[in-house]
């Protein structure tokens, strides 16, 4: 049809319509792509895709000997109330933390640790963090609002976290324990003995924790610096698992 204004606004026909020559009784033509893949096949292909690895993301390898830890308070005037920030550097390059979760910087540049409000709390936390990653922390700089530490290799058996370890919190005594099941064969790792504390490879004071979410925040950091992750096992008990 077409519009002809000379005919007083009447739609005029253009002749007979073309005859529809399609046969609607035929079966639909099969698609050239074949049948759709199942969810299992899609998951298998996605898992096989090579992943781009950023060596400066902590979850791609964890801490290394020589890394620097820098702690500075968020407010110079009221640091005892506002907590501090924790940043990590490797050969002068800022290491990136994962960004989702409580106390995480949107760009992965640092961790906000509001529960560390004193120098002694910072030193206890950094010592625990270094031990859990298989190193010792040496103080390089200490001022009122800034502390800097270097990670150095240990000369004895390493107590770094591995998959299968259990991290538990004791609220009454404000302590953190790492328990390792018997059977580890790595001669470089600490192997738990027998007795009252069978399986315990770390027992650290965490007197600075006060809120219910602090244990999950801390244990996630301990796992991340070893390129691992955790999952809840029981109340205030977490199991370390592969990433």
Protein backbone atom coordinates (compact mmCIF):
# COMPACT_ATOMS: atom_id res chain seq x y z
CA UNK A 1 0.00 0.00 0.00
CA UNK A 2 1.09 3.58 -0.52
CA UNK A 3 -0.21 6.99 0.47
CA UNK A 4 -1.55 9.26 -2.30
CA UNK A 5 -2.53 12.69 -0.96
CA UNK A 6 -4.14 13.65 -4.33
CA UNK A 7 -6.94 11.16 -3.77
CA UNK A 8 -8.22 12.88 -0.64
CA UNK A 9 -6.22 10.88 1.80
CA UNK A 10 -7.38 7.47 0.63
CA UNK A 11 -5.05 4.51 0.76
CA UNK A 12 -4.68 3.09 -2.75
CA UNK A 13 -3.77 -0.50 -3.52
CA UNK A 14 -0.60 -1.33 -5.38
CA UNK A 15 -1.96 -4.40 -7.09
CA UNK A 16 -2.19 -8.04 -6.14
CA UNK A 17 -0.05 -9.16 -3.20
CA UNK A 18 2.68 -11.69 -3.95
CA UNK A 19 1.57 -15.21 -3.34
CA UNK A 20 3.01 -16.82 -0.22
CA UNK A 21 4.95 -19.81 -1.57
CA UNK A 22 6.20 -21.12 1.81
CA UNK A 23 5.17 -24.61 2.79
CA UNK A 24 4.20 -24.48 6.44
CA UNK A 25 3.99 -28.27 6.66
CA UNK A 26 7.77 -28.73 6.39
CA UNK A 27 9.89 -29.56 9.45
CA UNK A 28 12.02 -26.67 10.78
CA UNK A 29 15.49 -26.53 9.31
CA UNK A 30 18.17 -27.72 11.79
CA UNK A 31 20.55 -25.05 13.00
CA UNK A 32 24.13 -25.34 11.69
CA UNK A 33 25.55 -24.99 15.22
CA UNK A 34 24.16 -28.34 16.28
CA UNK A 35 22.67 -29.18 19.71
CA UNK A 36 23.23 -26.86 22.67
CA UNK A 37 25.98 -27.72 25.17
CA UNK A 38 25.07 -28.94 28.61
CA UNK A 39 25.95 -26.94 31.74
CA UNK A 40 28.63 -29.50 32.60
CA UNK A 41 30.30 -29.06 29.21
CA UNK A 42 30.21 -25.26 29.56
CA UNK A 43 31.77 -25.48 33.04
CA UNK A 44 34.49 -27.83 31.76
CA UNK A 45 35.41 -25.49 28.91
CA UNK A 46 35.48 -22.46 31.18
CA UNK A 47 37.70 -24.25 33.69
CA UNK A 48 40.12 -25.19 30.89
CA UNK A 49 40.53 -21.60 29.71
CA UNK A 50 43.91 -20.12 30.63
CA UNK A 51 43.62 -17.51 33.36
CA UNK A 52 45.57 -14.28 33.26
CA UNK A 53 47.77 -14.18 36.36
CA UNK A 54 48.81 -10.90 37.92
CA UNK A 55 51.97 -11.58 39.97
CA UNK A 56 51.21 -8.58 42.16
CA UNK A 57 47.87 -9.94 43.38
CA UNK A 58 48.36 -11.69 46.70
CA UNK A 59 45.91 -14.45 45.87
CA UNK A 60 48.16 -15.50 42.96
CA UNK A 61 51.06 -16.57 45.15
CA UNK A 62 50.91 -15.12 48.64
CA UNK A 63 53.71 -13.40 50.52
CA UNK A 64 57.36 -13.86 49.56
CA UNK A 65 60.60 -13.27 51.43
CA UNK A 66 61.59 -9.62 51.11
CA UNK A 67 58.05 -8.25 50.94
CA UNK A 68 57.44 -5.10 52.98
CA UNK A 69 54.44 -4.48 55.23
CA UNK A 70 53.51 -0.87 55.97
CA UNK A 71 51.06 0.05 58.74
CA UNK A 72 49.86 3.63 59.10
CA UNK A 73 47.04 5.10 61.12
CA UNK A 74 44.09 6.61 59.31
CA UNK A 75 43.88 9.71 61.53
CA UNK A 76 47.03 11.07 63.07
CA UNK A 77 45.14 12.88 65.80
CA UNK A 78 42.84 10.04 66.86
CA UNK A 79 44.60 6.86 65.78
CA UNK A 80 43.63 5.07 68.96
CA UNK A 81 39.98 5.16 67.86
CA UNK A 82 40.15 4.78 64.09
CA UNK A 83 42.50 1.85 63.61
CA UNK A 84 45.02 1.58 60.81
CA UNK A 85 45.73 0.57 57.22
CA UNK A 86 47.93 -2.32 56.11
CA UNK A 87 49.70 -2.20 52.74
CA UNK A 88 52.19 -4.63 51.20
CA UNK A 89 54.99 -3.98 48.70
CA UNK A 90 57.27 -6.18 46.60
CA UNK A 91 60.35 -4.60 45.05
CA UNK A 92 58.74 -1.20 45.39
CA UNK A 93 55.46 -2.28 43.73
CA UNK A 94 52.21 -2.20 45.66
CA UNK A 95 50.66 -5.64 46.10
CA UNK A 96 46.91 -5.97 45.56
CA UNK A 97 44.49 -7.55 48.01
CA UNK A 98 41.13 -8.94 47.00
CA UNK A 99 38.52 -6.19 47.11
CA UNK A 100 35.26 -7.74 48.31
CA UNK A 101 34.46 -8.06 51.98
CA UNK A 102 34.68 -6.18 55.24
CA UNK A 103 37.49 -3.64 55.61
CA UNK A 104 38.62 -3.89 51.99
CA UNK A 105 39.76 -1.01 49.82
CA UNK A 106 37.86 -0.77 46.53
CA UNK A 107 41.12 -0.77 44.58
CA UNK A 108 42.79 -3.52 46.62
CA UNK A 109 45.51 -1.12 47.79
CA UNK A 110 45.22 -1.81 51.52
CA UNK A 111 43.27 -3.40 54.34
CA UNK A 112 41.40 -1.29 56.88
CA UNK A 113 42.03 -2.84 60.31
CA UNK A 114 39.89 -0.86 62.72
CA UNK A 115 40.55 -3.33 65.55
CA UNK A 116 44.29 -2.49 65.68
CA UNK A 117 44.40 0.61 67.88
CA UNK A 118 47.83 0.36 69.53
CA UNK A 119 51.44 -0.37 68.61
CA UNK A 120 51.42 -3.58 70.62
CA UNK A 121 48.31 -4.80 68.78
CA UNK A 122 49.93 -4.02 65.42
CA UNK A 123 53.11 -5.90 66.35
CA UNK A 124 51.14 -8.93 67.58
CA UNK A 125 49.06 -8.97 64.39
CA UNK A 126 52.02 -8.59 62.02
CA UNK A 127 53.97 -11.28 63.90
CA UNK A 128 51.02 -13.67 63.56
CA UNK A 129 50.60 -12.77 59.88
CA UNK A 130 54.29 -13.39 59.16
CA UNK A 131 54.32 -16.70 61.06
CA UNK A 132 51.20 -17.94 59.28
CA UNK A 133 52.85 -17.21 55.92
CA UNK A 134 56.11 -18.98 56.85
CA UNK A 135 58.29 -15.94 57.63
CA UNK A 136 59.40 -13.70 60.45
CA UNK A 137 58.77 -9.94 60.54
CA UNK A 138 61.65 -7.55 61.21
CA UNK A 139 60.91 -3.96 62.24
CA UNK A 140 62.45 -1.44 59.81
CA UNK A 141 60.70 1.74 60.95
CA UNK A 142 58.58 2.70 63.92
CA UNK A 143 57.00 6.07 64.63
CA UNK A 144 53.86 7.27 66.34
CA UNK A 145 51.65 6.83 63.27
CA UNK A 146 53.64 4.51 60.99
CA UNK A 147 55.41 1.15 61.20
CA UNK A 148 57.27 -0.76 58.50
CA UNK A 149 58.24 -4.45 58.54
CA UNK A 150 60.23 -6.77 56.26
CA UNK A 151 59.47 -10.47 55.83
CA UNK A 152 62.48 -12.75 56.20
CA UNK A 153 62.85 -16.50 55.79
CA UNK A 154 62.80 -18.69 58.87
CA UNK A 155 65.72 -20.97 59.73
CA UNK A 156 63.54 -23.60 61.44
CA UNK A 157 60.48 -25.50 60.27
CA UNK A 158 57.89 -23.24 58.65
CA UNK A 159 54.50 -22.86 60.29
CA UNK A 160 52.78 -21.46 57.22
CA UNK A 161 49.16 -22.40 56.66
CA UNK A 162 48.39 -25.22 54.24
CA UNK A 163 45.17 -26.70 52.94
CA UNK A 164 43.55 -28.86 55.60
CA UNK A 165 44.57 -26.75 58.60
CA UNK A 166 41.91 -25.61 61.06
CA UNK A 167 41.90 -22.07 62.49
CA UNK A 168 39.89 -21.57 65.69
CA UNK A 169 39.21 -18.63 68.01
CA UNK A 170 38.79 -18.72 71.76
CA UNK A 171 36.77 -15.70 72.92
CA UNK A 172 37.35 -16.36 76.61
CA UNK A 173 41.12 -16.30 76.34
CA UNK A 174 41.21 -14.08 73.21
CA UNK A 175 43.50 -16.48 71.36
CA UNK A 176 43.84 -17.94 67.87
CA UNK A 177 44.99 -21.51 67.29
CA UNK A 178 45.97 -23.30 64.11
CA UNK A 179 45.61 -27.08 64.23
CA UNK A 180 47.09 -29.43 61.68
CA UNK A 181 45.93 -33.02 61.26
CA UNK A 182 48.62 -35.67 61.65
CA UNK A 183 50.33 -36.97 58.54
CA UNK A 184 52.07 -34.04 56.85
CA UNK A 185 55.18 -35.30 55.03
CA UNK A 186 56.71 -31.96 54.02
CA UNK A 187 60.00 -31.83 55.94
CA UNK A 188 60.05 -28.02 55.67
CA UNK A 189 56.75 -27.70 57.53
CA UNK A 190 56.19 -27.90 61.25
CA UNK A 191 54.76 -31.29 62.16
CA UNK A 192 52.52 -31.34 65.23
CA UNK A 193 53.36 -33.68 68.08
CA UNK A 194 51.27 -35.47 70.69
CA UNK A 195 50.01 -34.51 74.11
CA UNK A 196 47.47 -32.00 75.38
CA UNK A 197 48.01 -29.72 72.37
CA UNK A 198 48.23 -32.40 69.71
CA UNK A 199 48.02 -30.86 66.30
CA UNK A 200 48.51 -27.25 67.43
CA UNK A 201 51.15 -25.48 65.30
CA UNK A 202 50.29 -21.88 66.26
CA UNK A 203 48.81 -20.33 69.39
CA UNK A 204 48.63 -16.52 69.19
CA UNK A 205 47.08 -13.83 71.34
CA UNK A 206 44.34 -11.78 69.64
CA UNK A 207 43.43 -9.60 72.61
CA UNK A 208 42.46 -6.80 70.22
CA UNK A 209 39.38 -8.53 68.77
CA UNK A 210 36.02 -7.37 70.14
CA UNK A 211 33.29 -7.84 67.51
CA UNK A 212 31.72 -11.05 66.24
CA UNK A 213 32.98 -10.59 62.66
CA UNK A 214 36.65 -10.07 63.60
CA UNK A 215 37.56 -13.80 63.52
CA UNK A 216 36.30 -14.25 59.95
CA UNK A 217 38.12 -11.07 58.85
CA UNK A 218 41.42 -12.21 60.37
CA UNK A 219 41.31 -15.79 59.13
CA UNK A 220 40.57 -14.62 55.60
CA UNK A 221 43.70 -12.45 55.68
CA UNK A 222 45.81 -15.36 56.99
CA UNK A 223 44.58 -17.54 54.13
CA UNK A 224 45.01 -14.86 51.47
CA UNK A 225 48.69 -14.28 52.22
CA UNK A 226 49.17 -18.00 51.46
CA UNK A 227 47.09 -17.92 48.25
CA UNK A 228 44.40 -19.99 49.96
CA UNK A 229 40.85 -19.44 51.18
CA UNK A 230 38.71 -20.67 54.04
CA UNK A 231 35.27 -22.02 54.69
CA UNK A 232 33.31 -22.10 57.97
CA UNK A 233 33.57 -25.44 59.77
CA UNK A 234 31.89 -24.72 63.10
CA UNK A 235 31.30 -21.70 65.28
CA UNK A 236 34.54 -19.66 65.24
CA UNK A 237 36.34 -22.56 63.50
CA UNK A 238 37.46 -22.33 59.88
CA UNK A 239 38.92 -24.89 57.49
CA UNK A 240 41.72 -23.78 55.13
CA UNK A 241 41.05 -24.97 51.57
CA UNK A 242 42.65 -24.43 48.14
CA UNK A 243 41.68 -21.37 46.20
